[in-house]
Full PDB file with SEQRES, HELIX, SHEET, SSBOND, CRYST1, ORIGX, SCALE, CONECT and MASTER records, all heavy atoms in Angstrom:
SEQRES   1 A   39  THR VAL ARG VAL MET HIS THR PRO GLY HIS THR GLU GLY          
SEQRES   2 A   39  SER VAL THR TYR LEU VAL ASP ASP THR VAL ALA LEU THR          
SEQRES   3 A   39  GLY ASP PHE ILE PHE ILE ALA SER ILE GLY ARG PRO ASP          
SHEET    1 AA1 3 VAL A   2  HIS A   6  0                                        
SHEET    2 AA1 3 VAL A  15  VAL A  19 -1                                        
SHEET    3 AA1 3 VAL A  23  LEU A  25 -1                                        
CRYST1    1.000    1.000    1.000  90.00  90.00  90.00 P 1           1          
ORIGX1      1.000000  0.000000  0.000000        0.00000                         
ORIGX2      0.000000  1.000000  0.000000        0.00000                         
ORIGX3      0.000000  0.000000  1.000000        0.00000                         
SCALE1      1.000000  0.000000  0.000000        0.00000                         
SCALE2      0.000000  1.000000  0.000000        0.00000                         
SCALE3      0.000000  0.000000  1.000000        0.00000                         
ATOM      1  N   THR A   1     122.155  11.309  58.378  1.00  0.00           N  
ATOM      2  CA  THR A   1     123.092  10.797  57.396  1.00  0.00           C  
ATOM      3  C   THR A   1     124.230  11.806  57.259  1.00  0.00           C  
ATOM      4  O   THR A   1     124.004  12.956  56.870  1.00  0.00           O  
ATOM      5  CB  THR A   1     122.419  10.589  56.028  1.00  0.00           C  
ATOM      6  OG1 THR A   1     121.372   9.615  56.156  1.00  0.00           O  
ATOM      7  CG2 THR A   1     123.428  10.093  54.999  1.00  0.00           C  
ATOM      8  N   VAL A   2     125.416  11.382  57.637  1.00  0.00           N  
ATOM      9  CA  VAL A   2     126.592  12.245  57.566  1.00  0.00           C  
ATOM     10  C   VAL A   2     127.332  11.905  56.280  1.00  0.00           C  
ATOM     11  O   VAL A   2     127.789  10.775  56.086  1.00  0.00           O  
ATOM     12  CB  VAL A   2     127.510  12.043  58.786  1.00  0.00           C  
ATOM     13  CG1 VAL A   2     128.744  12.932  58.693  1.00  0.00           C  
ATOM     14  CG2 VAL A   2     126.738  12.323  60.083  1.00  0.00           C  
ATOM     15  N   ARG A   3     127.445  12.882  55.384  1.00  0.00           N  
ATOM     16  CA  ARG A   3     128.059  12.666  54.078  1.00  0.00           C  
ATOM     17  C   ARG A   3     129.530  13.070  54.118  1.00  0.00           C  
ATOM     18  O   ARG A   3     129.894  14.069  54.727  1.00  0.00           O  
ATOM     19  CB  ARG A   3     127.304  13.457  53.024  1.00  0.00           C  
ATOM     20  CG  ARG A   3     127.813  13.251  51.599  1.00  0.00           C  
ATOM     21  CD  ARG A   3     126.807  13.755  50.572  1.00  0.00           C  
ATOM     22  NE  ARG A   3     126.566  15.177  50.699  1.00  0.00           N  
ATOM     23  CZ  ARG A   3     127.281  16.111  50.071  1.00  0.00           C  
ATOM     24  NH1 ARG A   3     128.306  15.763  49.301  1.00  0.00           N  
ATOM     25  NH2 ARG A   3     126.986  17.390  50.213  1.00  0.00           N  
ATOM     26  N   VAL A   4     130.352  12.284  53.456  1.00  0.00           N  
ATOM     27  CA  VAL A   4     131.794  12.524  53.418  1.00  0.00           C  
ATOM     28  C   VAL A   4     132.166  13.235  52.123  1.00  0.00           C  
ATOM     29  O   VAL A   4     131.753  12.828  51.033  1.00  0.00           O  
ATOM     30  CB  VAL A   4     132.580  11.203  53.526  1.00  0.00           C  
ATOM     31  CG1 VAL A   4     134.091  11.458  53.442  1.00  0.00           C  
ATOM     32  CG2 VAL A   4     132.228  10.468  54.817  1.00  0.00           C  
ATOM     33  N   MET A   5     132.938  14.302  52.238  1.00  0.00           N  
ATOM     34  CA  MET A   5     133.490  14.998  51.087  1.00  0.00           C  
ATOM     35  C   MET A   5     135.007  14.967  51.205  1.00  0.00           C  
ATOM     36  O   MET A   5     135.566  15.439  52.202  1.00  0.00           O  
ATOM     37  CB  MET A   5     132.981  16.444  51.041  1.00  0.00           C  
ATOM     38  CG  MET A   5     133.469  17.256  49.861  1.00  0.00           C  
ATOM     39  SD  MET A   5     132.653  18.897  49.859  1.00  0.00           S  
ATOM     40  CE  MET A   5     133.481  19.687  48.470  1.00  0.00           C  
ATOM     41  N   HIS A   6     135.681  14.387  50.224  1.00  0.00           N  
ATOM     42  CA  HIS A   6     137.133  14.308  50.245  1.00  0.00           C  
ATOM     43  C   HIS A   6     137.687  15.684  49.896  1.00  0.00           C  
ATOM     44  O   HIS A   6     137.429  16.219  48.809  1.00  0.00           O  
ATOM     45  CB  HIS A   6     137.617  13.262  49.235  1.00  0.00           C  
ATOM     46  CG  HIS A   6     139.090  13.014  49.277  1.00  0.00           C  
ATOM     47  ND1 HIS A   6     139.805  12.550  48.183  1.00  0.00           N  
ATOM     48  CD2 HIS A   6     140.002  13.167  50.280  1.00  0.00           C  
ATOM     49  CE1 HIS A   6     141.071  12.416  48.508  1.00  0.00           C  
ATOM     50  NE2 HIS A   6     141.231  12.781  49.763  1.00  0.00           N  
ATOM     51  N   THR A   7     138.415  16.290  50.836  1.00  0.00           N  
ATOM     52  CA  THR A   7     138.936  17.649  50.658  1.00  0.00           C  
ATOM     53  C   THR A   7     140.443  17.667  50.920  1.00  0.00           C  
ATOM     54  O   THR A   7     140.923  18.261  51.888  1.00  0.00           O  
ATOM     55  CB  THR A   7     138.214  18.636  51.594  1.00  0.00           C  
ATOM     56  OG1 THR A   7     138.175  18.097  52.934  1.00  0.00           O  
ATOM     57  CG2 THR A   7     136.788  18.883  51.132  1.00  0.00           C  
ATOM     58  N   PRO A   8     141.232  17.008  50.071  1.00  0.00           N  
ATOM     59  CA  PRO A   8     142.687  16.919  50.302  1.00  0.00           C  
ATOM     60  C   PRO A   8     143.377  18.261  50.127  1.00  0.00           C  
ATOM     61  O   PRO A   8     142.855  19.188  49.507  1.00  0.00           O  
ATOM     62  CB  PRO A   8     143.133  15.926  49.225  1.00  0.00           C  
ATOM     63  CG  PRO A   8     142.131  16.091  48.123  1.00  0.00           C  
ATOM     64  CD  PRO A   8     140.815  16.358  48.821  1.00  0.00           C  
ATOM     65  N   GLY A   9     144.573  18.331  50.668  1.00  0.00           N  
ATOM     66  CA  GLY A   9     145.387  19.535  50.571  1.00  0.00           C  
ATOM     67  C   GLY A   9     146.201  19.749  51.830  1.00  0.00           C  
ATOM     68  O   GLY A   9     147.413  19.939  51.773  1.00  0.00           O  
ATOM     69  N   HIS A  10     145.532  19.722  52.983  1.00  0.00           N  
ATOM     70  CA  HIS A  10     146.276  19.760  54.247  1.00  0.00           C  
ATOM     71  C   HIS A  10     146.945  18.413  54.461  1.00  0.00           C  
ATOM     72  O   HIS A  10     148.093  18.330  54.905  1.00  0.00           O  
ATOM     73  CB  HIS A  10     145.331  20.091  55.396  1.00  0.00           C  
ATOM     74  CG  HIS A  10     145.993  20.104  56.739  1.00  0.00           C  
ATOM     75  ND1 HIS A  10     146.971  21.008  57.077  1.00  0.00           N  
ATOM     76  CD2 HIS A  10     145.842  19.300  57.833  1.00  0.00           C  
ATOM     77  CE1 HIS A  10     147.386  20.782  58.318  1.00  0.00           C  
ATOM     78  NE2 HIS A  10     146.728  19.742  58.792  1.00  0.00           N  
ATOM     79  N   THR A  11     146.206  17.343  54.182  1.00  0.00           N  
ATOM     80  CA  THR A  11     146.740  15.991  54.067  1.00  0.00           C  
ATOM     81  C   THR A  11     146.096  15.369  52.838  1.00  0.00           C  
ATOM     82  O   THR A  11     145.109  15.888  52.305  1.00  0.00           O  
ATOM     83  CB  THR A  11     146.420  15.116  55.303  1.00  0.00           C  
ATOM     84  OG1 THR A  11     145.004  14.873  55.354  1.00  0.00           O  
ATOM     85  CG2 THR A  11     146.876  15.768  56.596  1.00  0.00           C  
ATOM     86  N   GLU A  12     146.633  14.246  52.408  1.00  0.00           N  
ATOM     87  CA  GLU A  12     146.062  13.588  51.230  1.00  0.00           C  
ATOM     88  C   GLU A  12     144.697  12.981  51.523  1.00  0.00           C  
ATOM     89  O   GLU A  12     143.856  12.865  50.637  1.00  0.00           O  
ATOM     90  CB  GLU A  12     147.025  12.523  50.714  1.00  0.00           C  
ATOM     91  CG  GLU A  12     148.294  13.097  50.108  1.00  0.00           C  
ATOM     92  CD  GLU A  12     149.213  12.037  49.529  1.00  0.00           C  
ATOM     93  OE1 GLU A  12     149.640  11.162  50.306  1.00  0.00           O  
ATOM     94  OE2 GLU A  12     149.499  12.099  48.317  1.00  0.00           O  
ATOM     95  N   GLY A  13     144.477  12.594  52.778  1.00  0.00           N  
ATOM     96  CA  GLY A  13     143.216  11.957  53.129  1.00  0.00           C  
ATOM     97  C   GLY A  13     142.250  12.851  53.877  1.00  0.00           C  
ATOM     98  O   GLY A  13     141.276  12.364  54.456  1.00  0.00           O  
ATOM     99  N   SER A  14     142.490  14.153  53.887  1.00  0.00           N  
ATOM    100  CA  SER A  14     141.597  15.080  54.593  1.00  0.00           C  
ATOM    101  C   SER A  14     140.178  14.985  54.047  1.00  0.00           C  
ATOM    102  O   SER A  14     139.957  14.997  52.834  1.00  0.00           O  
ATOM    103  CB  SER A  14     142.121  16.509  54.434  1.00  0.00           C  
ATOM    104  OG  SER A  14     141.175  17.452  54.885  1.00  0.00           O  
ATOM    105  N   VAL A  15     139.206  14.898  54.958  1.00  0.00           N  
ATOM    106  CA  VAL A  15     137.797  14.874  54.559  1.00  0.00           C  
ATOM    107  C   VAL A  15     137.010  15.887  55.375  1.00  0.00           C  
ATOM    108  O   VAL A  15     137.429  16.300  56.463  1.00  0.00           O  
ATOM    109  CB  VAL A  15     137.156  13.482  54.732  1.00  0.00           C  
ATOM    110  CG1 VAL A  15     137.863  12.431  53.888  1.00  0.00           C  
ATOM    111  CG2 VAL A  15     137.106  13.062  56.197  1.00  0.00           C  
ATOM    112  N   THR A  16     135.866  16.279  54.835  1.00  0.00           N  
ATOM    113  CA  THR A  16     134.893  17.101  55.540  1.00  0.00           C  
ATOM    114  C   THR A  16     133.643  16.261  55.747  1.00  0.00           C  
ATOM    115  O   THR A  16     133.207  15.551  54.833  1.00  0.00           O  
ATOM    116  CB  THR A  16     134.557  18.360  54.722  1.00  0.00           C  
ATOM    117  OG1 THR A  16     135.714  19.203  54.670  1.00  0.00           O  
ATOM    118  CG2 THR A  16     133.416  19.141  55.350  1.00  0.00           C  
ATOM    119  N   TYR A  17     133.067  16.326  56.946  1.00  0.00           N  
ATOM    120  CA  TYR A  17     131.830  15.618  57.243  1.00  0.00           C  
ATOM    121  C   TYR A  17     130.670  16.611  57.191  1.00  0.00           C  
ATOM    122  O   TYR A  17     130.675  17.617  57.907  1.00  0.00           O  
ATOM    123  CB  TYR A  17     131.908  14.942  58.618  1.00  0.00           C  
ATOM    124  CG  TYR A  17     132.909  13.805  58.665  1.00  0.00           C  
ATOM    125  CD1 TYR A  17     134.165  13.975  59.254  1.00  0.00           C  
ATOM    126  CD2 TYR A  17     132.610  12.576  58.103  1.00  0.00           C  
ATOM    127  CE1 TYR A  17     135.091  12.934  59.280  1.00  0.00           C  
ATOM    128  CE2 TYR A  17     133.523  11.527  58.119  1.00  0.00           C  
ATOM    129  CZ  TYR A  17     134.758  11.715  58.712  1.00  0.00           C  
ATOM    130  OH  TYR A  17     135.669  10.677  58.728  1.00  0.00           O  
ATOM    131  N   LEU A  18     129.696  16.332  56.344  1.00  0.00           N  
ATOM    132  CA  LEU A  18     128.564  17.224  56.112  1.00  0.00           C  
ATOM    133  C   LEU A  18     127.306  16.649  56.748  1.00  0.00           C  
ATOM    134  O   LEU A  18     126.969  15.475  56.524  1.00  0.00           O  
ATOM    135  CB  LEU A  18     128.340  17.415  54.608  1.00  0.00           C  
ATOM    136  CG  LEU A  18     129.524  18.022  53.844  1.00  0.00           C  
ATOM    137  CD1 LEU A  18     129.336  17.848  52.346  1.00  0.00           C  
ATOM    138  CD2 LEU A  18     129.696  19.486  54.201  1.00  0.00           C  
ATOM    139  N   VAL A  19     126.614  17.480  57.517  1.00  0.00           N  
ATOM    140  CA  VAL A  19     125.379  17.062  58.197  1.00  0.00           C  
ATOM    141  C   VAL A  19     124.220  17.865  57.618  1.00  0.00           C  
ATOM    142  O   VAL A  19     124.213  19.099  57.695  1.00  0.00           O  
ATOM    143  CB  VAL A  19     125.461  17.300  59.720  1.00  0.00           C  
ATOM    144  CG1 VAL A  19     124.225  16.737  60.407  1.00  0.00           C  
ATOM    145  CG2 VAL A  19     126.737  16.691  60.299  1.00  0.00           C  
ATOM    146  N   ASP A  20     123.262  17.163  57.036  1.00  0.00           N  
ATOM    147  CA  ASP A  20     122.067  17.790  56.443  1.00  0.00           C  
ATOM    148  C   ASP A  20     122.427  18.842  55.383  1.00  0.00           C  
ATOM    149  O   ASP A  20     121.612  19.697  55.055  1.00  0.00           O  
ATOM    150  CB  ASP A  20     121.204  18.466  57.525  1.00  0.00           C  
ATOM    151  CG  ASP A  20     120.614  17.476  58.512  1.00  0.00           C  
ATOM    152  OD1 ASP A  20     120.708  16.255  58.256  1.00  0.00           O  
ATOM    153  OD2 ASP A  20     120.076  17.919  59.535  1.00  0.00           O  
ATOM    154  N   ASP A  21     123.648  18.798  54.899  1.00  0.00           N  
ATOM    155  CA  ASP A  21     124.126  19.812  53.951  1.00  0.00           C  
ATOM    156  C   ASP A  21     123.934  21.235  54.476  1.00  0.00           C  
ATOM    157  O   ASP A  21     123.814  22.197  53.707  1.00  0.00           O  
ATOM    158  CB  ASP A  21     123.447  19.655  52.583  1.00  0.00           C  
ATOM    159  CG  ASP A  21     124.001  18.465  51.807  1.00  0.00           C  
ATOM    160  OD1 ASP A  21     125.191  18.139  51.999  1.00  0.00           O  
ATOM    161  OD2 ASP A  21     123.252  17.861  51.026  1.00  0.00           O  
ATOM    162  N   THR A  22     123.912  21.357  55.810  1.00  0.00           N  
ATOM    163  CA  THR A  22     123.832  22.684  56.438  1.00  0.00           C  
ATOM    164  C   THR A  22     125.018  22.950  57.352  1.00  0.00           C  
ATOM    165  O   THR A  22     125.269  24.096  57.725  1.00  0.00           O  
ATOM    166  CB  THR A  22     122.540  22.839  57.264  1.00  0.00           C  
ATOM    167  OG1 THR A  22     122.540  21.870  58.330  1.00  0.00           O  
ATOM    168  CG2 THR A  22     121.304  22.639  56.391  1.00  0.00           C  
ATOM    169  N   VAL A  23     125.743  21.895  57.720  1.00  0.00           N  
ATOM    170  CA  VAL A  23     126.886  21.994  58.628  1.00  0.00           C  
ATOM    171  C   VAL A  23     128.059  21.227  58.034  1.00  0.00           C  
ATOM    172  O   VAL A  23     127.884  20.106  57.536  1.00  0.00           O  
ATOM    173  CB  VAL A  23     126.537  21.424  60.020  1.00  0.00           C  
ATOM    174  CG1 VAL A  23     127.775  21.281  60.871  1.00  0.00           C  
ATOM    175  CG2 VAL A  23     125.510  22.302  60.715  1.00  0.00           C  
ATOM    176  N   ALA A  24     129.247  21.824  58.089  1.00  0.00           N  
ATOM    177  CA  ALA A  24     130.451  21.184  57.569  1.00  0.00           C  
ATOM    178  C   ALA A  24     131.509  21.111  58.654  1.00  0.00           C  
ATOM    179  O   ALA A  24     131.964  22.145  59.147  1.00  0.00           O  
ATOM    180  CB  ALA A  24     130.992  21.954  56.359  1.00  0.00           C  
ATOM    181  N   LEU A  25     131.884  19.890  59.048  1.00  0.00           N  
ATOM    182  CA  LEU A  25     133.013  19.685  59.959  1.00  0.00           C  
ATOM    183  C   LEU A  25     134.248  19.585  59.071  1.00  0.00           C  
ATOM    184  O   LEU A  25     134.542  18.545  58.491  1.00  0.00           O  
ATOM    185  CB  LEU A  25     132.830  18.412  60.782  1.00  0.00           C  
ATOM    186  CG  LEU A  25     131.535  18.281  61.592  1.00  0.00           C  
ATOM    187  CD1 LEU A  25     131.552  16.984  62.402  1.00  0.00           C  
ATOM    188  CD2 LEU A  25     131.332  19.471  62.495  1.00  0.00           C  
ATOM    189  N   THR A  26     134.978  20.698  58.950  1.00  0.00           N  
ATOM    190  CA  THR A  26     136.012  20.824  57.933  1.00  0.00           C  
ATOM    191  C   THR A  26     137.396  20.358  58.364  1.00  0.00           C  
ATOM    192  O   THR A  26     138.326  20.373  57.554  1.00  0.00           O  
ATOM    193  CB  THR A  26     136.107  22.286  57.456  1.00  0.00           C  
ATOM    194  OG1 THR A  26     136.335  23.132  58.592  1.00  0.00           O  
ATOM    195  CG2 THR A  26     134.841  22.715  56.745  1.00  0.00           C  
ATOM    196  N   GLY A  27     137.560  19.967  59.622  1.00  0.00           N  
ATOM    197  CA  GLY A  27     138.886  19.558  60.064  1.00  0.00           C  
ATOM    198  C   GLY A  27     139.879  20.688  59.889  1.00  0.00           C  
ATOM    199  O   GLY A  27     139.633  21.830  60.288  1.00  0.00           O  
ATOM    200  N   ASP A  28     141.014  20.391  59.240  1.00  0.00           N  
ATOM    201  CA  ASP A  28     142.028  21.413  58.979  1.00  0.00           C  
ATOM    202  C   ASP A  28     142.005  21.859  57.518  1.00  0.00           C  
ATOM    203  O   ASP A  28     143.013  22.322  56.985  1.00  0.00           O  
ATOM    204  CB  ASP A  28     143.422  20.892  59.328  1.00  0.00           C  
ATOM    205  CG  ASP A  28     143.642  20.800  60.831  1.00  0.00           C  
ATOM    206  OD1 ASP A  28     142.657  20.897  61.574  1.00  0.00           O  
ATOM    207  OD2 ASP A  28     144.799  20.601  61.249  1.00  0.00           O  
ATOM    208  N   PHE A  29     140.859  21.736  56.876  1.00  0.00           N  
ATOM    209  CA  PHE A  29     140.708  22.175  55.491  1.00  0.00           C  
ATOM    210  C   PHE A  29     140.428  23.672  55.441  1.00  0.00           C  
ATOM    211  O   PHE A  29     141.244  24.466  54.971  1.00  0.00           O  
ATOM    212  CB  PHE A  29     139.595  21.359  54.833  1.00  0.00           C  
ATOM    213  CG  PHE A  29     139.091  21.893  53.514  1.00  0.00           C  
ATOM    214  CD1 PHE A  29     139.966  22.426  52.575  1.00  0.00           C  
ATOM    215  CD2 PHE A  29     137.740  21.833  53.209  1.00  0.00           C  
ATOM    216  CE1 PHE A  29     139.493  22.909  51.352  1.00  0.00           C  
ATOM    217  CE2 PHE A  29     137.257  22.300  51.999  1.00  0.00           C  
ATOM    218  CZ  PHE A  29     138.132  22.847  51.067  1.00  0.00           C  
ATOM    219  N   ILE A  30     139.296  24.097  55.971  1.00  0.00           N  
ATOM    220  CA  ILE A  30     138.945  25.516  56.021  1.00  0.00           C  
ATOM    221  C   ILE A  30     138.741  25.918  57.471  1.00  0.00           C  
ATOM    222  O   ILE A  30     137.970  25.292  58.197  1.00  0.00           O  
ATOM    223  CB  ILE A  30     137.673  25.810  55.205  1.00  0.00           C  
ATOM    224  CG1 ILE A  30     137.965  25.641  53.698  1.00  0.00           C  
ATOM    225  CG2 ILE A  30     137.167  27.221  55.478  1.00  0.00           C  
ATOM    226  CD1 ILE A  30     136.746  25.843  52.816  1.00  0.00           C  
ATOM    227  N   PHE A  31     139.453  26.950  57.878  1.00  0.00           N  
ATOM    228  CA  PHE A  31     139.287  27.547  59.197  1.00  0.00           C  
ATOM    229  C   PHE A  31     138.456  28.819  59.077  1.00  0.00           C  
ATOM    230  O   PHE A  31     138.107  29.247  57.976  1.00  0.00           O  
ATOM    231  CB  PHE A  31     140.654  27.871  59.815  1.00  0.00           C  
ATOM    232  CG  PHE A  31     141.560  26.683  59.987  1.00  0.00           C  
ATOM    233  CD1 PHE A  31     142.807  26.641  59.370  1.00  0.00           C  
ATOM    234  CD2 PHE A  31     141.170  25.603  60.759  1.00  0.00           C  
ATOM    235  CE1 PHE A  31     143.655  25.560  59.536  1.00  0.00           C  
ATOM    236  CE2 PHE A  31     142.011  24.507  60.927  1.00  0.00           C  
ATOM    237  CZ  PHE A  31     143.250  24.489  60.316  1.00  0.00           C  
ATOM    238  N   ILE A  32     138.174  29.437  60.210  1.00  0.00           N  
ATOM    239  CA  ILE A  32     137.416  30.686  60.189  1.00  0.00           C  
ATOM    240  C   ILE A  32     138.191  31.773  59.453  1.00  0.00           C  
ATOM    241  O   ILE A  32     137.636  32.509  58.629  1.00  0.00           O  
ATOM    242  CB  ILE A  32     137.078  31.155  61.619  1.00  0.00           C  
ATOM    243  CG1 ILE A  32     136.272  30.091  62.374  1.00  0.00           C  
ATOM    244  CG2 ILE A  32     136.320  32.490  61.586  1.00  0.00           C  
ATOM    245  CD1 ILE A  32     134.945  29.721  61.743  1.00  0.00           C  
ATOM    246  N   ALA A  33     139.481  31.875  59.701  1.00  0.00           N  
ATOM    247  CA  ALA A  33     140.267  32.978  59.156  1.00  0.00           C  
ATOM    248  C   ALA A  33     141.366  32.558  58.201  1.00  0.00           C  
ATOM    249  O   ALA A  33     142.091  33.408  57.689  1.00  0.00           O  
ATOM    250  CB  ALA A  33     140.875  33.789  60.299  1.00  0.00           C  
ATOM    251  N   SER A  34     141.521  31.255  57.940  1.00  0.00           N  
ATOM    252  CA  SER A  34     142.581  30.814  57.043  1.00  0.00           C  
ATOM    253  C   SER A  34     142.238  29.439  56.496  1.00  0.00           C  
ATOM    254  O   SER A  34     141.080  29.024  56.511  1.00  0.00           O  
ATOM    255  CB  SER A  34     143.932  30.806  57.771  1.00  0.00           C  
ATOM    256  OG  SER A  34     144.994  30.568  56.862  1.00  0.00           O  
ATOM    257  N   ILE A  35     143.249  28.732  56.032  1.00  0.00           N  
ATOM    258  CA  ILE A  35     143.096  27.369  55.534  1.00  0.00           C  
ATOM    259  C   ILE A  35     144.225  26.518  56.096  1.00  0.00           C  
ATOM    260  O   ILE A  35     145.216  27.025  56.614  1.00  0.00           O  
ATOM    261  CB  ILE A  35     143.130  27.315  53.989  1.00  0.00           C  
ATOM    262  CG1 ILE A  35     144.395  28.007  53.458  1.00  0.00           C  
ATOM    263  CG2 ILE A  35     141.874  27.913  53.390  1.00  0.00           C  
ATOM    264  CD1 ILE A  35     144.566  27.901  51.958  1.00  0.00           C  
ATOM    265  N   GLY A  36     144.077  25.196  55.992  1.00  0.00           N  
ATOM    266  CA  GLY A  36     145.099  24.292  56.486  1.00  0.00           C  
ATOM    267  C   GLY A  36     146.351  24.347  55.633  1.00  0.00           C  
ATOM    268  O   GLY A  36     146.276  24.380  54.398  1.00  0.00           O  
ATOM    269  N   ARG A  37     147.493  24.332  56.269  1.00  0.00           N  
ATOM    270  CA  ARG A  37     148.758  24.454  55.536  1.00  0.00           C  
ATOM    271  C   ARG A  37     149.084  23.160  54.797  1.00  0.00           C  
ATOM    272  O   ARG A  37     148.926  22.054  55.349  1.00  0.00           O  
ATOM    273  CB  ARG A  37     149.887  24.857  56.479  1.00  0.00           C  
ATOM    274  CG  ARG A  37     150.072  23.961  57.676  1.00  0.00           C  
ATOM    275  CD  ARG A  37     150.999  24.578  58.707  1.00  0.00           C  
ATOM    276  NE  ARG A  37     152.348  24.801  58.167  1.00  0.00           N  
ATOM    277  CZ  ARG A  37     153.336  25.321  58.874  1.00  0.00           C  
ATOM    278  NH1 ARG A  37     153.139  25.685  60.138  1.00  0.00           N  
ATOM    279  NH2 ARG A  37     154.527  25.499  58.337  1.00  0.00           N  
ATOM    280  N   PRO A  38     149.546  23.255  53.548  1.00  0.00           N  
ATOM    281  CA  PRO A  38     149.887  22.070  52.762  1.00  0.00           C  
ATOM    282  C   PRO A  38     151.378  21.730  52.783  1.00  0.00           C  
ATOM    283  O   PRO A  38     151.832  20.934  51.964  1.00  0.00           O  
ATOM    284  CB  PRO A  38     149.461  22.489  51.347  1.00  0.00           C  
ATOM    285  CG  PRO A  38     149.763  23.948  51.312  1.00  0.00           C  
ATOM    286  CD  PRO A  38     149.522  24.470  52.717  1.00  0.00           C  
ATOM    287  N   ASP A  39     152.111  22.319  53.714  1.00  0.00           N  
ATOM    288  CA  ASP A  39     153.575  22.209  53.700  1.00  0.00           C  
ATOM    289  C   ASP A  39     154.129  21.390  54.858  1.00  0.00           C  
ATOM    290  O   ASP A  39     155.298  21.533  55.207  1.00  0.00           O  
ATOM    291  CB  ASP A  39     154.205  23.600  53.715  1.00  0.00           C  
ATOM    292  CG  ASP A  39     153.858  24.389  54.980  1.00  0.00           C  
ATOM    293  OD1 ASP A  39     152.794  24.124  55.566  1.00  0.00           O  
ATOM    294  OD2 ASP A  39     154.648  25.262  55.374  1.00  0.00           O  
TER     295      ASP A  39                                                      
MASTER        0    0    0    0    3    0    0    6  294    1    0    3          
END                                                                             
């Protein structure tokens, strides 16, 4: 079961996909060393 978390900021519709609540596919929301630009 892949759970969706709405994480806007980089885009209005940015989401993170969570697997088993142990893995987060964050897209351009959170990177290893920075965050997605909102500009």
